[in-house]
């Protein structure tokens, strides 16, 4: 069953999925080389599932 809304992932969920160290992921974000993120009004950060998938595809194309 497909989800009607794009799943919002936390940074720990993204890090666990891609297998990158936390510091590396934050460095990618600082350098704007990571997936686009959304900062919510409460200060937490989320990454849409579709954005993470798109970002991974661009890495595959560049390899």
PDB file of N, CA and C in Angstrom:
ATOM      1  N   UNK A   1       0.841  -1.174   0.000  1.00  0.00           N
ATOM      2  CA  UNK A   1       0.000   0.000   0.000  1.00  0.00           C
ATOM      3  C   UNK A   1       0.892   1.245   0.000  1.00  0.00           C
ATOM      4  N   UNK A   2       0.733   2.122  -0.979  1.00  0.00           N
ATOM      5  CA  UNK A   2       1.528   3.337  -1.083  1.00  0.00           C
ATOM      6  C   UNK A   2       1.003   4.392  -0.121  1.00  0.00           C
ATOM      7  N   UNK A   3       1.917   5.131   0.445  1.00  0.00           N
ATOM      8  CA  UNK A   3       1.512   6.209   1.345  1.00  0.00           C
ATOM      9  C   UNK A   3       1.079   7.404   0.513  1.00  0.00           C
ATOM     10  N   UNK A   4       0.006   8.057   0.925  1.00  0.00           N
ATOM     11  CA  UNK A   4      -0.492   9.196   0.174  1.00  0.00           C
ATOM     12  C   UNK A   4       0.333  10.445   0.437  1.00  0.00           C
ATOM     13  N   UNK A   5       1.035  10.476   1.573  1.00  0.00           N
ATOM     14  CA  UNK A   5       1.859  11.627   1.901  1.00  0.00           C
ATOM     15  C   UNK A   5       3.315  11.196   1.948  1.00  0.00           C
ATOM     16  N   UNK A   6       4.196  12.120   1.644  1.00  0.00           N
ATOM     17  CA  UNK A   6       5.628  11.860   1.649  1.00  0.00           C
ATOM     18  C   UNK A   6       6.116  11.734   3.093  1.00  0.00           C
ATOM     19  N   UNK A   7       6.694  10.598   3.421  1.00  0.00           N
ATOM     20  CA  UNK A   7       7.172  10.341   4.779  1.00  0.00           C
ATOM     21  C   UNK A   7       8.265  11.335   5.169  1.00  0.00           C
ATOM     22  N   UNK A   8       8.187  11.833   6.394  1.00  0.00           N
ATOM     23  CA  UNK A   8       9.183  12.773   6.916  1.00  0.00           C
ATOM     24  C   UNK A   8      10.110  12.005   7.856  1.00  0.00           C
ATOM     25  N   UNK A   9      11.390  11.958   7.511  1.00  0.00           N
ATOM     26  CA  UNK A   9      12.370  11.205   8.285  1.00  0.00           C
ATOM     27  C   UNK A   9      13.166  12.127   9.207  1.00  0.00           C
ATOM     28  N   UNK A  10      13.522  11.603  10.364  1.00  0.00           N
ATOM     29  CA  UNK A  10      14.407  12.340  11.267  1.00  0.00           C
ATOM     30  C   UNK A  10      15.851  12.121  10.807  1.00  0.00           C
ATOM     31  N   UNK A  11      16.741  12.963  11.287  1.00  0.00           N
ATOM     32  CA  UNK A  11      18.147  12.800  10.921  1.00  0.00           C
ATOM     33  C   UNK A  11      18.693  11.447  11.400  1.00  0.00           C
ATOM     34  N   UNK A  12      18.392  11.003  12.638  1.00  0.00           N
ATOM     35  CA  UNK A  12      18.872   9.665  13.027  1.00  0.00           C
ATOM     36  C   UNK A  12      18.361   8.546  12.107  1.00  0.00           C
ATOM     37  N   UNK A  13      17.143   8.664  11.607  1.00  0.00           N
ATOM     38  CA  UNK A  13      16.617   7.661  10.675  1.00  0.00           C
ATOM     39  C   UNK A  13      17.386   7.685   9.358  1.00  0.00           C
ATOM     40  N   UNK A  14      17.689   8.876   8.868  1.00  0.00           N
ATOM     41  CA  UNK A  14      18.437   9.011   7.613  1.00  0.00           C
ATOM     42  C   UNK A  14      19.851   8.460   7.786  1.00  0.00           C
ATOM     43  N   UNK A  15      20.507   8.820   8.884  1.00  0.00           N
ATOM     44  CA  UNK A  15      21.865   8.349   9.146  1.00  0.00           C
ATOM     45  C   UNK A  15      21.896   6.823   9.221  1.00  0.00           C
ATOM     46  N   UNK A  16      20.926   6.229   9.894  1.00  0.00           N
ATOM     47  CA  UNK A  16      20.861   4.770   9.999  1.00  0.00           C
ATOM     48  C   UNK A  16      20.658   4.131   8.627  1.00  0.00           C
ATOM     49  N   UNK A  17      19.849   4.759   7.801  1.00  0.00           N
ATOM     50  CA  UNK A  17      19.559   4.193   6.484  1.00  0.00           C
ATOM     51  C   UNK A  17      20.763   4.262   5.552  1.00  0.00           C
ATOM     52  N   UNK A  18      21.472   5.386   5.546  1.00  0.00           N
ATOM     53  CA  UNK A  18      22.596   5.511   4.611  1.00  0.00           C
ATOM     54  C   UNK A  18      23.904   4.994   5.184  1.00  0.00           C
ATOM     55  N   UNK A  19      23.958   4.775   6.491  1.00  0.00           N
ATOM     56  CA  UNK A  19      25.153   4.205   7.109  1.00  0.00           C
ATOM     57  C   UNK A  19      26.328   5.159   7.204  1.00  0.00           C
ATOM     58  N   UNK A  20      26.056   6.437   7.252  1.00  0.00           N
ATOM     59  CA  UNK A  20      27.126   7.434   7.380  1.00  0.00           C
ATOM     60  C   UNK A  20      27.258   7.862   8.834  1.00  0.00           C
ATOM     61  N   UNK A  21      28.470   8.187   9.269  1.00  0.00           N
ATOM     62  CA  UNK A  21      28.622   8.722  10.625  1.00  0.00           C
ATOM     63  C   UNK A  21      27.869  10.040  10.772  1.00  0.00           C
ATOM     64  N   UNK A  22      27.393  10.297  11.964  1.00  0.00           N
ATOM     65  CA  UNK A  22      26.619  11.511  12.249  1.00  0.00           C
ATOM     66  C   UNK A  22      27.409  12.780  11.878  1.00  0.00           C
ATOM     67  N   UNK A  23      28.679  12.823  12.247  1.00  0.00           N
ATOM     68  CA  UNK A  23      29.507  14.005  11.951  1.00  0.00           C
ATOM     69  C   UNK A  23      29.635  14.223  10.446  1.00  0.00           C
ATOM     70  N   UNK A  24      29.767  13.140   9.699  1.00  0.00           N
ATOM     71  CA  UNK A  24      29.867  13.249   8.240  1.00  0.00           C
ATOM     72  C   UNK A  24      28.578  13.819   7.664  1.00  0.00           C
ATOM     73  N   UNK A  25      27.443  13.311   8.138  1.00  0.00           N
ATOM     74  CA  UNK A  25      26.164  13.801   7.634  1.00  0.00           C
ATOM     75  C   UNK A  25      26.004  15.297   7.910  1.00  0.00           C
ATOM     76  N   UNK A  26      26.363  15.727   9.108  1.00  0.00           N
ATOM     77  CA  UNK A  26      26.254  17.146   9.435  1.00  0.00           C
ATOM     78  C   UNK A  26      27.236  17.997   8.611  1.00  0.00           C
ATOM     79  N   UNK A  27      28.416  17.446   8.300  1.00  0.00           N
ATOM     80  CA  UNK A  27      29.357  18.173   7.444  1.00  0.00           C
ATOM     81  C   UNK A  27      28.771  18.321   6.040  1.00  0.00           C
ATOM     82  N   UNK A  28      28.143  17.245   5.532  1.00  0.00           N
ATOM     83  CA  UNK A  28      27.486  17.326   4.222  1.00  0.00           C
ATOM     84  C   UNK A  28      26.418  18.414   4.230  1.00  0.00           C
ATOM     85  N   UNK A  29      25.645  18.481   5.306  1.00  0.00           N
ATOM     86  CA  UNK A  29      24.601  19.510   5.398  1.00  0.00           C
ATOM     87  C   UNK A  29      25.225  20.903   5.385  1.00  0.00           C
ATOM     88  N   UNK A  30      26.303  21.073   6.143  1.00  0.00           N
ATOM     89  CA  UNK A  30      26.970  22.373   6.215  1.00  0.00           C
ATOM     90  C   UNK A  30      27.502  22.792   4.847  1.00  0.00           C
ATOM     91  N   UNK A  31      28.012  21.829   4.096  1.00  0.00           N
ATOM     92  CA  UNK A  31      28.553  22.098   2.761  1.00  0.00           C
ATOM     93  C   UNK A  31      27.474  22.086   1.681  1.00  0.00           C
ATOM     94  N   UNK A  32      26.224  21.864   2.084  1.00  0.00           N
ATOM     95  CA  UNK A  32      25.085  21.780   1.159  1.00  0.00           C
ATOM     96  C   UNK A  32      25.264  20.667   0.132  1.00  0.00           C
ATOM     97  N   UNK A  33      25.826  19.548   0.588  1.00  0.00           N
ATOM     98  CA  UNK A  33      26.011  18.386  -0.278  1.00  0.00           C
ATOM     99  C   UNK A  33      25.084  17.240   0.121  1.00  0.00           C
ATOM    100  N   UNK A  34      24.327  17.412   1.168  1.00  0.00           N
ATOM    101  CA  UNK A  34      23.400  16.389   1.623  1.00  0.00           C
ATOM    102  C   UNK A  34      22.020  16.618   1.047  1.00  0.00           C
ATOM    103  N   UNK A  35      21.077  15.767   1.414  1.00  0.00           N
ATOM    104  CA  UNK A  35      19.699  15.955   0.943  1.00  0.00           C
ATOM    105  C   UNK A  35      19.088  17.220   1.538  1.00  0.00           C
ATOM    106  N   UNK A  36      18.190  17.831   0.798  1.00  0.00           N
ATOM    107  CA  UNK A  36      17.505  19.031   1.295  1.00  0.00           C
ATOM    108  C   UNK A  36      16.684  18.678   2.522  1.00  0.00           C
ATOM    109  N   UNK A  37      16.708  19.558   3.498  1.00  0.00           N
ATOM    110  CA  UNK A  37      16.009  19.315   4.756  1.00  0.00           C
ATOM    111  C   UNK A  37      14.978  20.409   5.005  1.00  0.00           C
ATOM    112  N   UNK A  38      14.062  20.106   5.902  1.00  0.00           N
ATOM    113  CA  UNK A  38      13.020  21.046   6.313  1.00  0.00           C
ATOM    114  C   UNK A  38      13.187  21.294   7.800  1.00  0.00           C
ATOM    115  N   UNK A  39      13.283  22.555   8.201  1.00  0.00           N
ATOM    116  CA  UNK A  39      13.346  22.880   9.622  1.00  0.00           C
ATOM    117  C   UNK A  39      11.948  23.265  10.076  1.00  0.00           C
ATOM    118  N   UNK A  40      11.425  22.519  11.020  1.00  0.00           N
ATOM    119  CA  UNK A  40      10.082  22.753  11.534  1.00  0.00           C
ATOM    120  C   UNK A  40      10.082  23.898  12.544  1.00  0.00           C
ATOM    121  N   UNK A  41       8.919  24.495  12.811  1.00  0.00           N
ATOM    122  CA  UNK A  41       8.844  25.611  13.761  1.00  0.00           C
ATOM    123  C   UNK A  41       9.392  25.282  15.151  1.00  0.00           C
ATOM    124  N   UNK A  42       9.350  24.007  15.545  1.00  0.00           N
ATOM    125  CA  UNK A  42       9.874  23.649  16.861  1.00  0.00           C
ATOM    126  C   UNK A  42      11.386  23.435  16.854  1.00  0.00           C
ATOM    127  N   UNK A  43      12.028  23.643  15.698  1.00  0.00           N
ATOM    128  CA  UNK A  43      13.478  23.541  15.582  1.00  0.00           C
ATOM    129  C   UNK A  43      13.977  22.189  15.110  1.00  0.00           C
ATOM    130  N   UNK A  44      13.112  21.181  15.071  1.00  0.00           N
ATOM    131  CA  UNK A  44      13.564  19.870  14.611  1.00  0.00           C
ATOM    132  C   UNK A  44      13.669  19.864  13.084  1.00  0.00           C
ATOM    133  N   UNK A  45      14.515  18.983  12.591  1.00  0.00           N
ATOM    134  CA  UNK A  45      14.791  18.904  11.158  1.00  0.00           C
ATOM    135  C   UNK A  45      14.244  17.586  10.626  1.00  0.00           C
ATOM    136  N   UNK A  46      13.628  17.642   9.464  1.00  0.00           N
ATOM    137  CA  UNK A  46      13.096  16.453   8.806  1.00  0.00           C
ATOM    138  C   UNK A  46      13.544  16.453   7.344  1.00  0.00           C
ATOM    139  N   UNK A  47      13.646  15.243   6.801  1.00  0.00           N
ATOM    140  CA  UNK A  47      13.999  15.066   5.397  1.00  0.00           C
ATOM    141  C   UNK A  47      12.922  14.191   4.770  1.00  0.00           C
ATOM    142  N   UNK A  48      12.357  14.682   3.686  1.00  0.00           N
ATOM    143  CA  UNK A  48      11.314  13.911   3.004  1.00  0.00           C
ATOM    144  C   UNK A  48      11.918  12.658   2.378  1.00  0.00           C
ATOM    145  N   UNK A  49      11.172  11.567   2.430  1.00  0.00           N
ATOM    146  CA  UNK A  49      11.610  10.301   1.830  1.00  0.00           C
ATOM    147  C   UNK A  49      11.942  10.506   0.357  1.00  0.00           C
ATOM    148  N   UNK A  50      11.104  11.240  -0.363  1.00  0.00           N
ATOM    149  CA  UNK A  50      11.333  11.460  -1.794  1.00  0.00           C
ATOM    150  C   UNK A  50      12.634  12.238  -2.029  1.00  0.00           C
ATOM    151  N   UNK A  51      12.967  13.167  -1.157  1.00  0.00           N
ATOM    152  CA  UNK A  51      14.204  13.935  -1.294  1.00  0.00           C
ATOM    153  C   UNK A  51      15.414  13.045  -1.029  1.00  0.00           C
ATOM    154  N   UNK A  52      15.331  12.187  -0.015  1.00  0.00           N
ATOM    155  CA  UNK A  52      16.436  11.266   0.271  1.00  0.00           C
ATOM    156  C   UNK A  52      16.652  10.334  -0.916  1.00  0.00           C
ATOM    157  N   UNK A  53      15.581   9.796  -1.475  1.00  0.00           N
ATOM    158  CA  UNK A  53      15.690   8.904  -2.637  1.00  0.00           C
ATOM    159  C   UNK A  53      16.290   9.640  -3.835  1.00  0.00           C
ATOM    160  N   UNK A  54      15.854  10.892  -4.062  1.00  0.00           N
ATOM    161  CA  UNK A  54      16.383  11.687  -5.175  1.00  0.00           C
ATOM    162  C   UNK A  54      17.871  11.926  -4.990  1.00  0.00           C
ATOM    163  N   UNK A  55      18.274  12.275  -3.763  1.00  0.00           N
ATOM    164  CA  UNK A  55      19.674  12.557  -3.458  1.00  0.00           C
ATOM    165  C   UNK A  55      20.536  11.313  -3.691  1.00  0.00           C
ATOM    166  N   UNK A  56      20.055  10.162  -3.242  1.00  0.00           N
ATOM    167  CA  UNK A  56      20.807   8.917  -3.454  1.00  0.00           C
ATOM    168  C   UNK A  56      20.948   8.624  -4.936  1.00  0.00           C
ATOM    169  N   UNK A  57      19.906   8.859  -5.713  1.00  0.00           N
ATOM    170  CA  UNK A  57      19.970   8.647  -7.161  1.00  0.00           C
ATOM    171  C   UNK A  57      21.031   9.531  -7.800  1.00  0.00           C
ATOM    172  N   UNK A  58      21.152  10.783  -7.352  1.00  0.00           N
ATOM    173  CA  UNK A  58      22.186  11.664  -7.923  1.00  0.00           C
ATOM    174  C   UNK A  58      23.586  11.144  -7.595  1.00  0.00           C
ATOM    175  N   UNK A  59      23.748  10.520  -6.436  1.00  0.00           N
ATOM    176  CA  UNK A  59      25.048   9.943  -6.084  1.00  0.00           C
ATOM    177  C   UNK A  59      25.359   8.737  -6.975  1.00  0.00           C
ATOM    178  N   UNK A  60      24.331   7.942  -7.266  1.00  0.00           N
ATOM    179  CA  UNK A  60      24.513   6.791  -8.146  1.00  0.00           C
ATOM    180  C   UNK A  60      24.916   7.239  -9.550  1.00  0.00           C
ATOM    181  N   UNK A  61      24.282   8.306 -10.039  1.00  0.00           N
ATOM    182  CA  UNK A  61      24.575   8.810 -11.374  1.00  0.00           C
ATOM    183  C   UNK A  61      25.995   9.357 -11.457  1.00  0.00           C
ATOM    184  N   UNK A  62      26.479   9.944 -10.361  1.00  0.00           N
ATOM    185  CA  UNK A  62      27.807  10.552 -10.344  1.00  0.00           C
ATOM    186  C   UNK A  62      28.910   9.502 -10.188  1.00  0.00           C
ATOM    187  N   UNK A  63      28.555   8.309  -9.738  1.00  0.00           N
ATOM    188  CA  UNK A  63      29.577   7.267  -9.458  1.00  0.00           C
ATOM    189  C   UNK A  63      30.147   6.666 -10.724  1.00  0.00           C
TER     190      UNK A  63
END
